[in-house]
Amino acid sequence: MNFFGMEKVKKFIEANPKRILILRGLPGSGKSTLIKEVKSWSDSGEYDPYVCSSDAFFEDKDGNYFFDSKLLPINHAKCFQKYIEAVRLLGASNAIAPPSNTIIVDNTNTVINDLVPYCRVAEAYNIPFVIVEVMCDPKDSYNRNVHEVPMEVIYGMYRNLIVDQVPGYWPRIMVKSQTSEEDLQERLIDDLKNFAYLRDEYCPEGRADSGVIDD
């Protein structure tokens, strides 16, 4: 899988001794592959991330995945609790070492309200963070996602991803898992126009400067 924009992610990691990556993307968009790439950037294990994922709590001790929608709220709460503890250790100045200097939140986070708690905790502990949006065509997402998420659900999540935009005051990097960067960019522009009637304004007045990292 090819990614466009990973050089910006690498630059962010190299610039911050402590860092948090909050992923946002459809199932099958390439988030797991992105995590493997981050890990590969250092032979010493310096960038080996501590991953917080709700999906992990649907796995048994042998790594078999069993999804149960009734457990979603509980497992998201477990993931957030795991994240809070890791960030607390990362931000503390005591003898207890954090699990890693790189924390990655590996959830879909297609709705902004899912992102807010993770961003607020990072802000509270003064840890640099960036939202990494892993974009892909929803058809590719459907074909690649390993949890057999139905196509109609994929398209609903895709609409949320396009419509429910990240507030401009949070740093954001868009990573494209696509063979042609231009094709996907045109698709995103078209979809944004098509969904325009559903959009709300999420940036509070006076805080509309873009947080997109473009260099």
N, C-alpha and C. Protein backbone atom coordinates (compact mmCIF):
# COMPACT_ATOMS: atom_id res chain seq x y z
N MET A 1 0.85 -1.19 0.00
CA MET A 1 0.00 0.00 0.00
C MET A 1 0.88 1.25 0.00
N ASN A 2 0.60 2.19 -0.91
CA ASN A 2 1.36 3.42 -1.00
C ASN A 2 0.68 4.53 -0.21
N PHE A 3 1.49 5.33 0.47
CA PHE A 3 0.96 6.46 1.23
C PHE A 3 1.56 7.75 0.69
N PHE A 4 0.74 8.78 0.61
CA PHE A 4 1.21 10.12 0.34
C PHE A 4 1.02 10.94 1.62
N GLY A 5 2.06 11.62 2.03
CA GLY A 5 1.96 12.47 3.23
C GLY A 5 2.71 11.93 4.44
N MET A 6 3.29 10.75 4.32
CA MET A 6 3.97 10.17 5.48
C MET A 6 5.21 10.95 5.89
N GLU A 7 5.80 11.70 4.95
CA GLU A 7 6.97 12.50 5.29
C GLU A 7 6.61 13.57 6.33
N LYS A 8 5.37 14.03 6.30
CA LYS A 8 4.92 15.02 7.29
C LYS A 8 4.77 14.37 8.66
N VAL A 9 4.29 13.13 8.68
CA VAL A 9 4.17 12.39 9.94
C VAL A 9 5.56 12.17 10.53
N LYS A 10 6.50 11.78 9.69
CA LYS A 10 7.86 11.53 10.16
C LYS A 10 8.49 12.80 10.70
N LYS A 11 8.26 13.90 10.03
CA LYS A 11 8.80 15.18 10.48
C LYS A 11 8.24 15.57 11.84
N PHE A 12 6.94 15.32 12.05
CA PHE A 12 6.31 15.61 13.34
C PHE A 12 6.94 14.77 14.45
N ILE A 13 7.13 13.48 14.18
CA ILE A 13 7.70 12.58 15.19
C ILE A 13 9.14 12.98 15.52
N GLU A 14 9.92 13.28 14.50
CA GLU A 14 11.32 13.64 14.73
C GLU A 14 11.46 14.96 15.48
N ALA A 15 10.47 15.85 15.33
CA ALA A 15 10.55 17.17 15.97
C ALA A 15 10.10 17.15 17.43
N ASN A 16 9.45 16.07 17.86
CA ASN A 16 8.90 16.02 19.21
C ASN A 16 9.37 14.77 19.95
N PRO A 17 10.18 14.94 21.01
CA PRO A 17 10.66 13.78 21.78
C PRO A 17 9.53 12.94 22.37
N LYS A 18 8.42 13.60 22.68
CA LYS A 18 7.20 12.91 23.13
C LYS A 18 6.10 13.30 22.16
N ARG A 19 5.29 12.30 21.71
CA ARG A 19 4.31 12.63 20.70
C ARG A 19 3.15 11.65 20.70
N ILE A 20 2.00 12.17 20.25
CA ILE A 20 0.78 11.38 20.16
C ILE A 20 0.22 11.51 18.75
N LEU A 21 -0.08 10.38 18.13
CA LEU A 21 -0.75 10.35 16.84
C LEU A 21 -2.16 9.80 17.05
N ILE A 22 -3.15 10.58 16.67
CA ILE A 22 -4.54 10.16 16.78
C ILE A 22 -5.05 9.89 15.36
N LEU A 23 -5.23 8.61 15.05
CA LEU A 23 -5.60 8.24 13.69
C LEU A 23 -7.10 8.42 13.46
N ARG A 24 -7.42 8.68 12.20
CA ARG A 24 -8.82 8.86 11.80
C ARG A 24 -8.97 8.31 10.39
N GLY A 25 -9.83 7.30 10.23
CA GLY A 25 -9.99 6.73 8.90
C GLY A 25 -10.92 5.55 8.89
N LEU A 26 -11.39 5.20 7.73
CA LEU A 26 -12.32 4.08 7.56
C LEU A 26 -11.65 2.75 7.90
N PRO A 27 -12.45 1.73 8.20
CA PRO A 27 -11.88 0.39 8.33
C PRO A 27 -11.21 0.00 7.02
N GLY A 28 -10.02 -0.57 7.09
CA GLY A 28 -9.33 -0.97 5.88
C GLY A 28 -8.65 0.16 5.14
N SER A 29 -8.57 1.34 5.74
CA SER A 29 -7.96 2.48 5.06
C SER A 29 -6.44 2.43 5.09
N GLY A 30 -5.88 1.61 5.98
CA GLY A 30 -4.43 1.49 6.05
C GLY A 30 -3.83 1.94 7.36
N LYS A 31 -4.64 2.10 8.38
CA LYS A 31 -4.13 2.59 9.68
C LYS A 31 -3.11 1.61 10.28
N SER A 32 -3.39 0.33 10.20
CA SER A 32 -2.46 -0.67 10.76
C SER A 32 -1.14 -0.67 9.98
N THR A 33 -1.22 -0.50 8.67
CA THR A 33 -0.02 -0.44 7.85
C THR A 33 0.79 0.81 8.19
N LEU A 34 0.10 1.91 8.44
CA LEU A 34 0.77 3.14 8.83
C LEU A 34 1.55 2.94 10.12
N ILE A 35 0.95 2.26 11.08
CA ILE A 35 1.62 2.01 12.36
C ILE A 35 2.89 1.19 12.15
N LYS A 36 2.82 0.19 11.28
CA LYS A 36 4.01 -0.61 10.98
C LYS A 36 5.10 0.23 10.34
N GLU A 37 4.71 1.17 9.50
CA GLU A 37 5.70 2.03 8.85
C GLU A 37 6.38 2.93 9.87
N VAL A 38 5.62 3.50 10.79
CA VAL A 38 6.20 4.33 11.85
C VAL A 38 7.23 3.51 12.64
N LYS A 39 6.87 2.30 12.96
CA LYS A 39 7.76 1.43 13.73
C LYS A 39 9.06 1.15 12.96
N SER A 40 8.98 1.09 11.65
CA SER A 40 10.15 0.75 10.83
C SER A 40 11.15 1.89 10.71
N TRP A 41 10.80 3.07 11.14
CA TRP A 41 11.66 4.23 10.97
C TRP A 41 12.87 4.22 11.90
N SER A 42 12.88 3.36 12.90
CA SER A 42 14.01 3.33 13.83
C SER A 42 14.41 1.89 14.13
N ASP A 43 15.67 1.55 13.83
CA ASP A 43 16.18 0.21 14.13
C ASP A 43 16.33 0.00 15.63
N SER A 44 16.47 1.10 16.37
CA SER A 44 16.69 1.00 17.82
C SER A 44 15.39 0.80 18.59
N GLY A 45 14.27 0.88 17.91
CA GLY A 45 12.98 0.77 18.59
C GLY A 45 12.50 2.08 19.18
N GLU A 46 13.18 3.18 18.84
CA GLU A 46 12.83 4.48 19.41
C GLU A 46 11.40 4.89 19.08
N TYR A 47 10.93 4.51 17.89
CA TYR A 47 9.60 4.92 17.46
C TYR A 47 8.55 3.83 17.65
N ASP A 48 8.92 2.71 18.27
CA ASP A 48 7.92 1.67 18.51
C ASP A 48 6.75 2.25 19.29
N PRO A 49 5.56 2.26 18.73
CA PRO A 49 4.45 2.95 19.39
C PRO A 49 3.72 2.09 20.41
N TYR A 50 3.13 2.78 21.35
CA TYR A 50 2.18 2.16 22.27
C TYR A 50 0.80 2.43 21.69
N VAL A 51 0.13 1.38 21.24
CA VAL A 51 -1.12 1.53 20.49
C VAL A 51 -2.33 1.34 21.39
N CYS A 52 -3.24 2.29 21.33
CA CYS A 52 -4.51 2.21 22.04
C CYS A 52 -5.62 2.02 21.01
N SER A 53 -6.28 0.88 21.04
CA SER A 53 -7.29 0.56 20.05
C SER A 53 -8.47 -0.15 20.70
N SER A 54 -9.66 0.30 20.38
CA SER A 54 -10.86 -0.37 20.89
C SER A 54 -10.97 -1.78 20.33
N ASP A 55 -10.50 -1.97 19.09
CA ASP A 55 -10.57 -3.29 18.46
C ASP A 55 -9.84 -4.36 19.26
N ALA A 56 -8.78 -3.96 19.95
CA ALA A 56 -7.97 -4.92 20.70
C ALA A 56 -8.79 -5.61 21.78
N PHE A 57 -9.82 -4.95 22.26
CA PHE A 57 -10.63 -5.53 23.34
C PHE A 57 -11.71 -6.47 22.81
N PHE A 58 -11.77 -6.63 21.48
CA PHE A 58 -12.65 -7.65 20.90
C PHE A 58 -11.87 -8.93 20.58
N GLU A 59 -10.60 -8.95 20.92
CA GLU A 59 -9.77 -10.12 20.64
C GLU A 59 -9.61 -10.99 21.88
N ASP A 60 -9.58 -12.31 21.66
CA ASP A 60 -9.33 -13.21 22.79
C ASP A 60 -7.83 -13.36 22.99
N LYS A 61 -7.42 -14.19 23.92
CA LYS A 61 -6.01 -14.33 24.25
C LYS A 61 -5.19 -14.92 23.11
N ASP A 62 -5.88 -15.56 22.14
CA ASP A 62 -5.18 -16.14 20.99
C ASP A 62 -5.18 -15.20 19.78
N GLY A 63 -5.73 -14.00 19.96
CA GLY A 63 -5.74 -13.02 18.88
C GLY A 63 -6.90 -13.15 17.93
N ASN A 64 -7.87 -14.01 18.26
CA ASN A 64 -9.07 -14.14 17.42
C ASN A 64 -10.03 -12.99 17.70
N TYR A 65 -10.62 -12.44 16.64
CA TYR A 65 -11.47 -11.26 16.75
C TYR A 65 -12.94 -11.66 16.78
N PHE A 66 -13.65 -11.17 17.80
CA PHE A 66 -15.08 -11.45 17.93
C PHE A 66 -15.79 -10.13 18.21
N PHE A 67 -16.45 -9.59 17.18
CA PHE A 67 -17.13 -8.30 17.35
C PHE A 67 -18.51 -8.50 17.96
N ASP A 68 -18.83 -7.64 18.92
CA ASP A 68 -20.15 -7.64 19.55
C ASP A 68 -20.53 -6.17 19.77
N SER A 69 -21.54 -5.71 19.03
CA SER A 69 -21.91 -4.29 19.09
C SER A 69 -22.30 -3.86 20.50
N LYS A 70 -22.80 -4.79 21.31
CA LYS A 70 -23.21 -4.44 22.68
C LYS A 70 -22.00 -4.04 23.54
N LEU A 71 -20.81 -4.50 23.12
CA LEU A 71 -19.61 -4.21 23.90
C LEU A 71 -18.88 -2.94 23.44
N LEU A 72 -19.40 -2.30 22.39
CA LEU A 72 -18.73 -1.12 21.85
C LEU A 72 -18.50 -0.03 22.92
N PRO A 73 -19.53 0.39 23.65
CA PRO A 73 -19.29 1.45 24.66
C PRO A 73 -18.27 1.03 25.71
N ILE A 74 -18.34 -0.22 26.14
CA ILE A 74 -17.42 -0.71 27.17
C ILE A 74 -15.99 -0.72 26.63
N ASN A 75 -15.82 -1.23 25.42
CA ASN A 75 -14.47 -1.36 24.87
C ASN A 75 -13.86 -0.01 24.49
N HIS A 76 -14.71 0.92 24.07
CA HIS A 76 -14.20 2.27 23.83
C HIS A 76 -13.76 2.91 25.15
N ALA A 77 -14.50 2.65 26.20
CA ALA A 77 -14.11 3.17 27.52
C ALA A 77 -12.80 2.55 27.99
N LYS A 78 -12.62 1.25 27.74
CA LYS A 78 -11.36 0.58 28.12
C LYS A 78 -10.19 1.17 27.34
N CYS A 79 -10.40 1.42 26.05
CA CYS A 79 -9.37 2.00 25.22
C CYS A 79 -8.98 3.39 25.74
N PHE A 80 -9.97 4.18 26.08
CA PHE A 80 -9.70 5.54 26.56
C PHE A 80 -8.98 5.51 27.91
N GLN A 81 -9.37 4.59 28.76
CA GLN A 81 -8.70 4.44 30.05
C GLN A 81 -7.22 4.07 29.85
N LYS A 82 -6.97 3.15 28.94
CA LYS A 82 -5.59 2.75 28.61
C LYS A 82 -4.80 3.95 28.10
N TYR A 83 -5.43 4.75 27.27
CA TYR A 83 -4.80 5.94 26.70
C TYR A 83 -4.46 6.96 27.79
N ILE A 84 -5.40 7.22 28.69
CA ILE A 84 -5.18 8.19 29.75
C ILE A 84 -3.98 7.80 30.60
N GLU A 85 -3.88 6.54 30.95
CA GLU A 85 -2.77 6.07 31.78
C GLU A 85 -1.44 6.24 31.06
N ALA A 86 -1.42 5.92 29.76
CA ALA A 86 -0.18 6.06 28.98
C ALA A 86 0.24 7.53 28.87
N VAL A 87 -0.72 8.40 28.61
CA VAL A 87 -0.42 9.83 28.49
C VAL A 87 0.04 10.39 29.83
N ARG A 88 -0.58 9.94 30.91
CA ARG A 88 -0.19 10.41 32.25
C ARG A 88 1.28 10.08 32.51
N LEU A 89 1.69 8.86 32.18
CA LEU A 89 3.08 8.47 32.38
C LEU A 89 4.01 9.22 31.44
N LEU A 90 3.54 9.46 30.22
CA LEU A 90 4.35 10.18 29.25
C LEU A 90 4.59 11.63 29.68
N GLY A 91 3.59 12.20 30.32
CA GLY A 91 3.71 13.60 30.74
C GLY A 91 4.30 13.80 32.11
N ALA A 92 4.49 12.72 32.86
CA ALA A 92 4.98 12.84 34.23
C ALA A 92 6.50 12.98 34.25
N SER A 93 6.99 13.62 35.29
CA SER A 93 8.45 13.76 35.48
C SER A 93 8.87 12.97 36.70
N ASN A 94 8.63 11.66 36.65
CA ASN A 94 9.03 10.80 37.76
C ASN A 94 9.78 9.58 37.23
N ALA A 95 10.10 8.68 38.12
CA ALA A 95 10.96 7.55 37.75
C ALA A 95 10.23 6.48 36.96
N ILE A 96 8.90 6.53 36.90
CA ILE A 96 8.15 5.51 36.18
C ILE A 96 8.16 5.84 34.69
N ALA A 97 8.78 5.00 33.89
CA ALA A 97 8.91 5.25 32.46
C ALA A 97 7.59 4.99 31.75
N PRO A 98 7.26 5.79 30.76
CA PRO A 98 6.06 5.53 29.96
C PRO A 98 6.26 4.29 29.11
N PRO A 99 5.18 3.66 28.65
CA PRO A 99 5.33 2.47 27.80
C PRO A 99 6.04 2.77 26.48
N SER A 100 5.96 4.01 26.03
CA SER A 100 6.64 4.45 24.82
C SER A 100 6.57 5.97 24.75
N ASN A 101 7.49 6.58 24.02
CA ASN A 101 7.42 8.02 23.79
C ASN A 101 6.51 8.35 22.60
N THR A 102 6.01 7.29 21.95
CA THR A 102 5.06 7.46 20.84
C THR A 102 3.78 6.72 21.18
N ILE A 103 2.71 7.45 21.31
CA ILE A 103 1.39 6.85 21.56
C ILE A 103 0.55 7.03 20.30
N ILE A 104 -0.09 5.96 19.86
CA ILE A 104 -0.97 6.03 18.69
C ILE A 104 -2.36 5.54 19.08
N VAL A 105 -3.36 6.35 18.77
CA VAL A 105 -4.76 5.95 18.95
C VAL A 105 -5.24 5.39 17.63
N ASP A 106 -5.55 4.11 17.60
CA ASP A 106 -5.91 3.41 16.36
C ASP A 106 -7.40 3.08 16.37
N ASN A 107 -8.22 4.11 16.21
CA ASN A 107 -9.67 3.94 16.08
C ASN A 107 -10.12 4.66 14.82
N THR A 108 -11.35 4.40 14.37
CA THR A 108 -11.84 5.05 13.15
C THR A 108 -12.05 6.55 13.37
N ASN A 109 -12.63 6.94 14.50
CA ASN A 109 -12.79 8.36 14.86
C ASN A 109 -13.39 9.19 13.73
N THR A 110 -14.37 8.65 13.01
CA THR A 110 -14.95 9.38 11.90
C THR A 110 -15.86 10.52 12.36
N VAL A 111 -16.30 10.47 13.61
CA VAL A 111 -17.10 11.55 14.20
C VAL A 111 -16.20 12.36 15.12
N ILE A 112 -16.26 13.67 15.00
CA ILE A 112 -15.36 14.53 15.76
C ILE A 112 -15.50 14.32 17.26
N ASN A 113 -16.71 14.05 17.73
CA ASN A 113 -16.90 13.83 19.17
C ASN A 113 -16.08 12.65 19.69
N ASP A 114 -15.73 11.71 18.80
CA ASP A 114 -14.87 10.60 19.21
C ASP A 114 -13.44 11.07 19.41
N LEU A 115 -13.03 12.09 18.68
CA LEU A 115 -11.67 12.62 18.77
C LEU A 115 -11.46 13.51 19.99
N VAL A 116 -12.50 14.25 20.35
CA VAL A 116 -12.36 15.31 21.36
C VAL A 116 -11.70 14.84 22.66
N PRO A 117 -12.15 13.72 23.28
CA PRO A 117 -11.53 13.33 24.55
C PRO A 117 -10.03 13.07 24.43
N TYR A 118 -9.61 12.43 23.33
CA TYR A 118 -8.20 12.12 23.16
C TYR A 118 -7.37 13.40 22.99
N CYS A 119 -7.91 14.34 22.24
CA CYS A 119 -7.20 15.61 22.05
C CYS A 119 -7.12 16.40 23.35
N ARG A 120 -8.21 16.41 24.10
CA ARG A 120 -8.24 17.18 25.35
C ARG A 120 -7.25 16.62 26.38
N VAL A 121 -7.15 15.31 26.44
CA VAL A 121 -6.20 14.70 27.38
C VAL A 121 -4.76 15.06 26.98
N ALA A 122 -4.47 14.99 25.69
CA ALA A 122 -3.13 15.38 25.22
C ALA A 122 -2.84 16.83 25.57
N GLU A 123 -3.81 17.70 25.39
CA GLU A 123 -3.64 19.11 25.73
C GLU A 123 -3.43 19.29 27.24
N ALA A 124 -4.18 18.53 28.04
CA ALA A 124 -4.10 18.67 29.49
C ALA A 124 -2.71 18.32 30.01
N TYR A 125 -2.06 17.33 29.36
CA TYR A 125 -0.72 16.91 29.78
C TYR A 125 0.39 17.57 28.95
N ASN A 126 -0.02 18.50 28.08
CA ASN A 126 0.93 19.28 27.29
C ASN A 126 1.84 18.39 26.43
N ILE A 127 1.24 17.36 25.84
CA ILE A 127 1.97 16.45 24.95
C ILE A 127 1.62 16.82 23.50
N PRO A 128 2.61 17.10 22.65
CA PRO A 128 2.32 17.40 21.24
C PRO A 128 1.55 16.26 20.58
N PHE A 129 0.51 16.59 19.86
CA PHE A 129 -0.29 15.58 19.18
C PHE A 129 -0.65 16.06 17.79
N VAL A 130 -0.98 15.10 16.94
CA VAL A 130 -1.47 15.43 15.61
C VAL A 130 -2.53 14.41 15.23
N ILE A 131 -3.56 14.87 14.56
CA ILE A 131 -4.60 13.99 14.03
C ILE A 131 -4.16 13.58 12.62
N VAL A 132 -4.03 12.29 12.40
CA VAL A 132 -3.61 11.77 11.10
C VAL A 132 -4.82 11.15 10.42
N GLU A 133 -5.30 11.80 9.38
CA GLU A 133 -6.46 11.30 8.64
C GLU A 133 -5.97 10.40 7.50
N VAL A 134 -6.32 9.13 7.59
CA VAL A 134 -5.89 8.15 6.58
C VAL A 134 -7.04 7.99 5.59
N MET A 135 -6.91 8.64 4.44
CA MET A 135 -8.01 8.70 3.50
C MET A 135 -7.89 7.61 2.44
N CYS A 136 -9.03 7.07 2.05
CA CYS A 136 -9.06 6.12 0.94
C CYS A 136 -10.46 6.09 0.36
N ASP A 137 -10.59 5.53 -0.82
CA ASP A 137 -11.89 5.38 -1.44
C ASP A 137 -12.72 4.39 -0.62
N PRO A 138 -14.00 4.69 -0.35
CA PRO A 138 -14.82 3.77 0.44
C PRO A 138 -14.95 2.38 -0.17
N LYS A 139 -14.85 2.27 -1.49
CA LYS A 139 -14.90 0.95 -2.11
C LYS A 139 -13.66 0.14 -1.74
N ASP A 140 -12.51 0.81 -1.70
CA ASP A 140 -11.28 0.13 -1.27
C ASP A 140 -11.39 -0.27 0.19
N SER A 141 -12.00 0.60 1.00
CA SER A 141 -12.19 0.29 2.42
C SER A 141 -13.03 -0.97 2.58
N TYR A 142 -14.10 -1.05 1.82
CA TYR A 142 -14.99 -2.23 1.91
C TYR A 142 -14.26 -3.51 1.51
N ASN A 143 -13.46 -3.42 0.46
CA ASN A 143 -12.74 -4.61 -0.03
C ASN A 143 -11.62 -5.05 0.90
N ARG A 144 -11.05 -4.10 1.65
CA ARG A 144 -9.88 -4.42 2.47
C ARG A 144 -10.20 -4.65 3.94
N ASN A 145 -11.34 -4.14 4.43
CA ASN A 145 -11.56 -4.22 5.88
C ASN A 145 -11.76 -5.68 6.30
N VAL A 146 -11.08 -6.06 7.36
CA VAL A 146 -11.04 -7.46 7.78
C VAL A 146 -12.22 -7.84 8.68
N HIS A 147 -13.02 -6.86 9.06
CA HIS A 147 -14.12 -7.14 9.99
C HIS A 147 -15.48 -7.22 9.30
N GLU A 148 -15.45 -7.25 7.95
CA GLU A 148 -16.67 -7.44 7.15
C GLU A 148 -17.73 -6.39 7.47
N VAL A 149 -17.30 -5.15 7.56
CA VAL A 149 -18.25 -4.05 7.78
C VAL A 149 -19.05 -3.86 6.50
N PRO A 150 -20.41 -3.82 6.59
CA PRO A 150 -21.25 -3.70 5.38
C PRO A 150 -20.97 -2.41 4.61
N MET A 151 -21.21 -2.45 3.30
CA MET A 151 -20.94 -1.30 2.45
C MET A 151 -21.73 -0.06 2.90
N GLU A 152 -23.00 -0.25 3.29
CA GLU A 152 -23.80 0.92 3.69
C GLU A 152 -23.24 1.58 4.94
N VAL A 153 -22.65 0.78 5.83
CA VAL A 153 -22.03 1.34 7.03
C VAL A 153 -20.75 2.09 6.65
N ILE A 154 -19.98 1.51 5.72
CA ILE A 154 -18.76 2.16 5.24
C ILE A 154 -19.08 3.54 4.67
N TYR A 155 -20.12 3.61 3.85
CA TYR A 155 -20.48 4.88 3.23
C TYR A 155 -21.00 5.88 4.26
N GLY A 156 -21.69 5.38 5.29
CA GLY A 156 -22.12 6.27 6.36
C GLY A 156 -20.93 6.85 7.11
N MET A 157 -19.93 6.01 7.38
CA MET A 157 -18.72 6.48 8.05
C MET A 157 -17.95 7.44 7.16
N TYR A 158 -17.94 7.17 5.86
CA TYR A 158 -17.24 8.04 4.91
C TYR A 158 -17.89 9.42 4.88
N ARG A 159 -19.22 9.44 4.89
CA ARG A 159 -19.91 10.73 4.92
C ARG A 159 -19.54 11.51 6.18
N ASN A 160 -19.49 10.82 7.33
CA ASN A 160 -19.09 11.49 8.56
C ASN A 160 -17.67 12.03 8.46
N LEU A 161 -16.81 11.25 7.83
CA LEU A 161 -15.40 11.65 7.69
C LEU A 161 -15.28 12.92 6.86
N ILE A 162 -16.11 13.05 5.84
CA ILE A 162 -16.07 14.22 4.97
C ILE A 162 -16.77 15.41 5.60
N VAL A 163 -17.94 15.17 6.18
CA VAL A 163 -18.78 16.25 6.69
C VAL A 163 -18.31 16.78 8.03
N ASP A 164 -17.99 15.86 8.95
CA ASP A 164 -17.65 16.24 10.33
C ASP A 164 -16.16 16.58 10.39
N GLN A 165 -15.81 17.78 9.97
CA GLN A 165 -14.41 18.13 9.79
C GLN A 165 -13.72 18.50 11.09
N VAL A 166 -12.41 18.24 11.13
CA VAL A 166 -11.59 18.54 12.30
C VAL A 166 -11.51 20.05 12.49
N PRO A 167 -11.71 20.55 13.72
CA PRO A 167 -11.57 21.99 13.96
C PRO A 167 -10.20 22.48 13.53
N GLY A 168 -10.17 23.69 12.96
CA GLY A 168 -8.93 24.20 12.39
C GLY A 168 -7.82 24.44 13.38
N TYR A 169 -8.13 24.54 14.68
CA TYR A 169 -7.09 24.82 15.66
C TYR A 169 -6.37 23.57 16.14
N TRP A 170 -6.75 22.39 15.66
CA TRP A 170 -6.02 21.16 15.99
C TRP A 170 -5.13 20.77 14.81
N PRO A 171 -3.87 20.40 15.08
CA PRO A 171 -2.97 20.02 13.99
C PRO A 171 -3.45 18.74 13.30
N ARG A 172 -3.35 18.75 11.98
CA ARG A 172 -3.90 17.63 11.20
C ARG A 172 -3.01 17.36 10.00
N ILE A 173 -2.79 16.09 9.74
CA ILE A 173 -2.08 15.65 8.54
C ILE A 173 -2.97 14.67 7.79
N MET A 174 -3.13 14.90 6.50
CA MET A 174 -3.89 13.96 5.68
C MET A 174 -2.93 13.02 4.97
N VAL A 175 -3.12 11.73 5.19
CA VAL A 175 -2.32 10.70 4.53
C VAL A 175 -3.24 9.95 3.58
N LYS A 176 -2.80 9.80 2.36
CA LYS A 176 -3.66 9.19 1.34
C LYS A 176 -3.14 7.81 0.97
N SER A 177 -3.93 6.80 1.20
CA SER A 177 -3.57 5.43 0.81
C SER A 177 -4.17 5.16 -0.56
N GLN A 178 -3.46 5.64 -1.57
CA GLN A 178 -4.00 5.60 -2.92
C GLN A 178 -2.84 5.55 -3.90
N THR A 179 -3.03 4.86 -5.03
CA THR A 179 -1.97 4.81 -6.03
C THR A 179 -1.82 6.14 -6.73
N SER A 180 -2.90 6.92 -6.78
CA SER A 180 -2.83 8.23 -7.43
C SER A 180 -3.33 9.29 -6.48
N GLU A 181 -2.43 10.15 -6.03
CA GLU A 181 -2.80 11.21 -5.10
C GLU A 181 -3.83 12.14 -5.74
N GLU A 182 -3.65 12.45 -7.02
CA GLU A 182 -4.54 13.41 -7.67
C GLU A 182 -5.96 12.86 -7.76
N ASP A 183 -6.10 11.57 -8.07
CA ASP A 183 -7.43 10.98 -8.20
C ASP A 183 -8.21 11.10 -6.90
N LEU A 184 -7.55 10.81 -5.77
CA LEU A 184 -8.25 10.86 -4.50
C LEU A 184 -8.57 12.30 -4.12
N GLN A 185 -7.65 13.21 -4.40
CA GLN A 185 -7.90 14.61 -4.06
C GLN A 185 -9.12 15.13 -4.81
N GLU A 186 -9.25 14.79 -6.08
CA GLU A 186 -10.42 15.20 -6.85
C GLU A 186 -11.69 14.58 -6.29
N ARG A 187 -11.60 13.32 -5.86
CA ARG A 187 -12.76 12.64 -5.29
C ARG A 187 -13.20 13.34 -4.01
N LEU A 188 -12.25 13.72 -3.17
CA LEU A 188 -12.58 14.38 -1.91
C LEU A 188 -13.25 15.72 -2.16
N ILE A 189 -12.75 16.46 -3.12
CA ILE A 189 -13.34 17.77 -3.44
C ILE A 189 -14.77 17.59 -3.92
N ASP A 190 -15.00 16.62 -4.81
CA ASP A 190 -16.35 16.36 -5.31
C ASP A 190 -17.29 15.93 -4.19
N ASP A 191 -16.82 15.04 -3.32
CA ASP A 191 -17.66 14.56 -2.23
C ASP A 191 -17.99 15.68 -1.25
N LEU A 192 -17.03 16.56 -1.02
CA LEU A 192 -17.27 17.68 -0.12
C LEU A 192 -18.38 18.58 -0.67
N LYS A 193 -18.39 18.77 -2.00
CA LYS A 193 -19.44 19.56 -2.63
C LYS A 193 -20.78 18.85 -2.51
N ASN A 194 -20.78 17.53 -2.73
CA ASN A 194 -22.02 16.77 -2.68
C ASN A 194 -22.62 16.75 -1.29
N PHE A 195 -21.76 16.75 -0.26
CA PHE A 195 -22.24 16.69 1.12
C PHE A 195 -22.38 18.08 1.74
N ALA A 196 -22.22 19.14 0.93
CA ALA A 196 -22.17 20.50 1.48
C ALA A 196 -23.45 20.84 2.26
N TYR A 197 -24.57 20.36 1.82
CA TYR A 197 -25.83 20.69 2.48
C TYR A 197 -25.93 20.08 3.87
N LEU A 198 -25.06 19.11 4.17
CA LEU A 198 -25.07 18.46 5.49
C LEU A 198 -24.07 19.08 6.45
N ARG A 199 -23.19 19.97 5.94
CA ARG A 199 -22.10 20.46 6.76
C ARG A 199 -22.57 21.47 7.80
N ASP A 200 -21.93 21.42 8.96
CA ASP A 200 -22.10 22.43 10.00
C ASP A 200 -20.77 23.13 10.17
N GLU A 201 -20.77 24.25 10.86
CA GLU A 201 -19.52 24.96 11.14
C GLU A 201 -19.01 24.53 12.50
N TYR A 202 -17.83 23.94 12.55
CA TYR A 202 -17.32 23.38 13.79
C TYR A 202 -16.24 24.26 14.43
N CYS A 203 -15.70 25.25 13.70
CA CYS A 203 -14.65 26.10 14.25
C CYS A 203 -15.27 27.29 14.96
N PRO A 204 -15.05 27.44 16.28
CA PRO A 204 -15.57 28.60 16.99
C PRO A 204 -15.05 29.88 16.37
N GLU A 205 -15.86 30.93 16.47
CA GLU A 205 -15.48 32.21 15.90
C GLU A 205 -14.14 32.68 16.48
N GLY A 206 -13.27 33.14 15.60
CA GLY A 206 -11.97 33.62 16.05
C GLY A 206 -10.91 32.54 16.12
N ARG A 207 -11.27 31.29 15.82
CA ARG A 207 -10.30 30.19 15.89
C ARG A 207 -10.35 29.38 14.60
N ALA A 208 -10.47 30.06 13.48
CA ALA A 208 -10.67 29.36 12.22
C ALA A 208 -9.39 29.11 11.43
N ASP A 209 -8.24 29.47 11.99
CA ASP A 209 -6.99 29.22 11.28
C ASP A 209 -6.78 27.72 11.11
N SER A 210 -6.32 27.35 9.93
CA SER A 210 -6.17 25.93 9.63
C SER A 210 -5.03 25.32 10.43
N GLY A 211 -5.27 24.09 10.94
CA GLY A 211 -4.21 23.37 11.64
C GLY A 211 -3.52 22.36 10.73
N VAL A 212 -3.82 22.39 9.43
CA VAL A 212 -3.25 21.42 8.51
C VAL A 212 -1.74 21.63 8.41
N ILE A 213 -1.00 20.56 8.60
CA ILE A 213 0.46 20.62 8.46
C ILE A 213 0.79 20.40 7.00
N ASP A 214 1.32 21.44 6.34
CA ASP A 214 1.53 21.35 4.90
C ASP A 214 2.98 21.42 4.49
N ASP A 215 3.91 21.29 5.45
CA ASP A 215 5.32 21.25 5.07
C ASP A 215 6.12 20.41 6.04
